[in-house]
Protein backbone atom coordinates (compact mmCIF):
# COMPACT_ATOMS: atom_id res chain seq x y z
CA UNK A 1 110.69 86.91 88.03
CA UNK A 2 113.76 88.75 89.20
CA UNK A 3 116.95 86.80 89.14
CA UNK A 4 116.63 85.32 93.20
CA UNK A 5 113.95 83.22 91.94
CA UNK A 6 113.81 79.83 91.64
CA UNK A 7 113.66 78.15 88.47
CA UNK A 8 111.01 75.19 89.71
CA UNK A 9 108.43 78.18 90.46
CA UNK A 10 108.67 79.51 87.51
CA UNK A 11 108.48 75.87 85.12
CA UNK A 12 105.46 75.81 87.12
CA UNK A 13 103.78 78.88 86.22
CA UNK A 14 104.55 77.87 82.60
CA UNK A 15 103.09 74.34 83.37
CA UNK A 16 99.70 76.29 84.19
CA UNK A 17 100.39 78.50 81.25
CA UNK A 18 101.67 81.62 82.91
CA UNK A 19 102.81 84.17 80.77
CA UNK A 20 106.18 84.24 83.10
CA UNK A 21 109.45 86.67 81.71
CA UNK A 22 112.69 85.47 84.25
CA UNK A 23 115.36 88.86 84.48
CA UNK A 24 117.64 86.10 82.82
CA UNK A 25 115.97 86.17 79.52
CA UNK A 26 115.06 89.88 79.71
CA UNK A 27 118.86 90.85 79.71
CA UNK A 28 118.30 92.56 82.76
CA UNK A 29 119.62 89.86 85.50
CA UNK A 30 122.50 92.47 86.79
CA UNK A 31 120.24 95.57 87.03
CA UNK A 32 119.99 96.77 90.07
CA UNK A 33 116.14 96.82 92.03
CA UNK A 34 114.74 100.28 90.79
CA UNK A 35 115.88 99.70 87.11
CA UNK A 36 114.14 95.71 87.50
CA UNK A 37 110.80 97.50 88.83
CA UNK A 38 110.79 99.99 86.28
CA UNK A 39 111.60 97.65 83.65
CA UNK A 40 108.64 95.19 84.92
CA UNK A 41 106.33 98.32 84.51
CA UNK A 42 107.74 98.94 80.67
CA UNK A 43 106.58 95.40 80.22
CA UNK A 44 103.33 96.03 81.82
CA UNK A 45 103.55 93.14 84.04
CA UNK A 46 104.02 92.66 87.77
CA UNK A 47 107.34 92.04 89.52
CA UNK A 48 108.27 88.29 91.62
CA UNK A 49 110.97 88.42 94.06
CA UNK A 50 112.34 86.38 97.47
CA UNK A 51 114.50 89.62 98.42
CA UNK A 52 113.68 91.94 100.60
CA UNK A 53 115.42 94.92 98.58
CA UNK A 54 112.45 94.65 96.78
CA UNK A 55 110.17 96.59 99.47
CA UNK A 56 112.35 98.89 100.29
CA UNK A 57 112.27 100.40 96.75
CA UNK A 58 108.31 99.39 96.46
CA UNK A 59 107.48 100.71 99.71
CA UNK A 60 109.98 104.23 99.20
CA UNK A 61 107.32 104.19 95.59
CA UNK A 62 104.48 104.42 97.70
CA UNK A 63 105.68 107.00 100.20
CA UNK A 64 106.61 109.19 96.84
CA UNK A 65 103.46 108.59 95.11
CA UNK A 66 105.41 107.50 92.18
CA UNK A 67 103.98 105.13 89.90
CA UNK A 68 105.49 101.36 90.28
CA UNK A 69 105.25 97.95 88.76
CA UNK A 70 103.29 96.29 91.53
CA UNK A 71 105.45 93.77 93.24
CA UNK A 72 104.78 90.65 94.76
CA UNK A 73 107.19 89.04 97.69
CA UNK A 74 107.84 85.62 98.99
CA UNK A 75 110.06 85.22 101.80
CA UNK A 76 113.27 82.30 100.88
CA UNK A 77 112.76 80.66 104.14
CA UNK A 78 109.07 81.25 105.18
CA UNK A 79 107.23 80.32 101.76
CA UNK A 80 107.51 77.10 100.31
CA UNK A 81 107.81 76.63 96.30
CA UNK A 82 104.82 74.83 95.85
CA UNK A 83 102.89 77.60 98.40
CA UNK A 84 104.75 80.12 96.10
CA UNK A 85 103.32 78.48 92.77
CA UNK A 86 99.62 78.25 94.34
CA UNK A 87 100.25 82.12 95.51
CA UNK A 88 101.13 82.92 92.40
CA UNK A 89 98.56 81.29 90.29
CA UNK A 90 95.89 82.54 92.58
CA UNK A 91 97.11 86.22 91.96
CA UNK A 92 97.71 85.85 87.99
CA UNK A 93 93.67 84.23 87.95
CA UNK A 94 93.09 87.53 89.93
CA UNK A 95 94.67 90.23 89.20
CA UNK A 96 93.66 92.58 86.44
CA UNK A 97 95.97 94.35 83.78
CA UNK A 98 94.49 98.20 84.94
CA UNK A 99 95.34 96.30 89.15
CA UNK A 100 99.27 95.59 88.34
CA UNK A 101 100.35 98.97 89.90
CA UNK A 102 101.31 100.42 92.50
CA UNK A 103 100.71 97.59 94.89
CA UNK A 104 103.17 95.05 97.20
CA UNK A 105 101.86 91.94 98.09
CA UNK A 106 103.17 89.13 100.45
CA UNK A 107 102.58 85.41 100.17
CA UNK A 108 101.61 83.50 101.41
CA UNK A 109 98.56 85.42 100.87
């Protein structure tokens, strides 16, 4: 989870058994977006954000054909916390580990 993600989303996912790591827990809350995407990739995780700047970084990496951790984006004002949780649960149940790179997924699904 990016630093901008409300704790309610993290808690709801964890209650459902999803393994979630926040930037704060990982000690990466202060690093820039590019480095956070790289860190998610190093850990073999996707990254969920509500920060539009991540989209710019991910799109540039797609254009450059550069590998990166999948970025899932839910707009802060247009996608409710409940909808984020529902969609993230669906993604977690459907996304295979080998599919968790190089994608940009927009919520709502």
